Protein backbone atom coordinates (compact mmCIF):
# COMPACT_ATOMS: atom_id res chain seq x y z
CA UNK A 1 19.00 14.56 -24.46
CA UNK A 2 20.18 12.23 -27.13
CA UNK A 3 17.83 11.28 -30.11
CA UNK A 4 15.89 8.33 -29.85
CA UNK A 5 15.10 5.59 -32.41
CA UNK A 6 12.99 2.76 -32.66
CA UNK A 7 14.63 -0.58 -32.95
CA UNK A 8 13.46 -2.77 -35.67
CA UNK A 9 12.32 -6.48 -35.51
CA UNK A 10 15.57 -7.65 -37.02
CA UNK A 11 17.00 -7.10 -33.52
CA UNK A 12 18.74 -10.29 -32.09
CA UNK A 13 16.17 -10.12 -29.13
CA UNK A 14 13.08 -9.91 -31.44
CA UNK A 15 10.17 -12.11 -30.23
CA UNK A 16 11.48 -11.88 -26.47
CA UNK A 17 11.83 -9.25 -24.06
CA UNK A 18 12.73 -6.50 -26.90
CA UNK A 19 9.18 -6.89 -28.06
CA UNK A 20 7.85 -6.39 -24.74
CA UNK A 21 10.05 -3.40 -24.33
CA UNK A 22 8.82 -1.90 -27.43
CA UNK A 23 5.24 -2.54 -26.23
CA UNK A 24 5.94 -0.99 -23.16
CA UNK A 25 7.43 2.07 -24.68
CA UNK A 26 4.09 2.43 -26.92
CA UNK A 27 1.94 2.09 -23.83
CA UNK A 28 3.98 4.74 -21.78
CA UNK A 29 3.04 7.15 -24.44
CA UNK A 30 5.89 6.90 -26.80
CA UNK A 31 9.62 7.43 -26.43
CA UNK A 32 9.24 11.13 -26.28
CA UNK A 33 7.05 10.86 -23.30
CA UNK A 34 9.56 8.83 -21.12
CA UNK A 35 11.84 10.84 -19.05
CA UNK A 36 13.49 8.22 -17.07
CA UNK A 37 13.11 4.45 -16.73
CA UNK A 38 14.94 2.17 -14.25
CA UNK A 39 14.46 -1.48 -12.79
CA UNK A 40 13.74 -2.19 -9.50
CA UNK A 41 13.26 -5.85 -8.58
CA UNK A 42 10.20 -6.86 -10.27
CA UNK A 43 9.15 -3.28 -11.55
CA UNK A 44 10.04 -0.64 -14.15
CA UNK A 45 10.15 2.59 -12.40
CA UNK A 46 9.36 5.50 -14.98
CA UNK A 47 8.73 9.25 -15.06
CA UNK A 48 6.75 10.33 -17.95
CA UNK A 49 6.07 13.92 -19.19
CA UNK A 50 2.32 13.38 -19.49
CA UNK A 51 0.59 10.65 -17.48
CA UNK A 52 -2.43 11.02 -19.73
CA UNK A 53 -0.72 9.27 -22.40
CA UNK A 54 -0.01 6.07 -20.49
CA UNK A 55 -2.46 3.30 -21.42
CA UNK A 56 -2.72 0.84 -18.53
CA UNK A 57 -4.62 -1.81 -20.39
CA UNK A 58 -1.92 -1.78 -23.41
CA UNK A 59 0.80 -2.16 -20.41
CA UNK A 60 -1.17 -5.25 -19.37
CA UNK A 61 -1.55 -6.53 -22.71
CA UNK A 62 2.43 -6.09 -23.14
CA UNK A 63 2.76 -8.63 -20.17
CA UNK A 64 2.58 -6.28 -17.17
CA UNK A 65 1.02 -7.86 -14.01
CA UNK A 66 -0.11 -4.40 -12.88
CA UNK A 67 0.46 -0.84 -12.97
CA UNK A 68 0.95 1.67 -10.18
CA UNK A 69 0.67 5.65 -10.73
CA UNK A 70 1.47 8.67 -8.61
CA UNK A 71 1.28 11.93 -10.93
CA UNK A 72 3.89 11.54 -13.68
CA UNK A 73 5.58 8.49 -11.81
CA UNK A 74 4.57 4.96 -13.32
CA UNK A 75 5.44 1.62 -11.92
CA UNK A 76 5.02 -1.13 -14.13
CA UNK A 77 5.19 -4.74 -12.71
CA UNK A 78 6.81 -7.01 -15.00
CA UNK A 79 8.26 -9.76 -12.89
CA UNK A 80 11.82 -11.12 -12.85
CA UNK A 81 12.45 -9.78 -16.36
CA UNK A 82 12.53 -6.07 -15.03
CA UNK A 83 16.36 -5.70 -15.53
CA UNK A 84 16.41 -7.17 -18.95
CA UNK A 85 13.35 -5.17 -20.23
CA UNK A 86 14.69 -2.02 -18.57
CA UNK A 87 17.99 -2.69 -20.55
CA UNK A 88 16.10 -3.30 -23.98
CA UNK A 89 14.08 -0.16 -23.29
CA UNK A 90 17.25 1.88 -22.88
CA UNK A 91 18.62 0.47 -26.00
CA UNK A 92 15.68 1.36 -27.80
CA UNK A 93 15.62 4.96 -26.54
CA UNK A 94 19.36 5.76 -27.18
């Protein structure tokens, strides 16, 4: 697995979906807790190592409209920005 880094706020998308992406990563328990993330229409489908580290309230504070869980699979409803936010998250996790 590649090393993960945290993007700084000097990123060209700072203040937009990049900030949401960083907040969502933190609310999902941090980069090391995320196994996989992919967009699906208006949702981010994620698989995490430890579902107990996921903070639903923080996800909603980051702009999520809802959170659905099933074991280590967490779906975060973010609306039509799902593709962009997923791409930003992948950039941060690289």
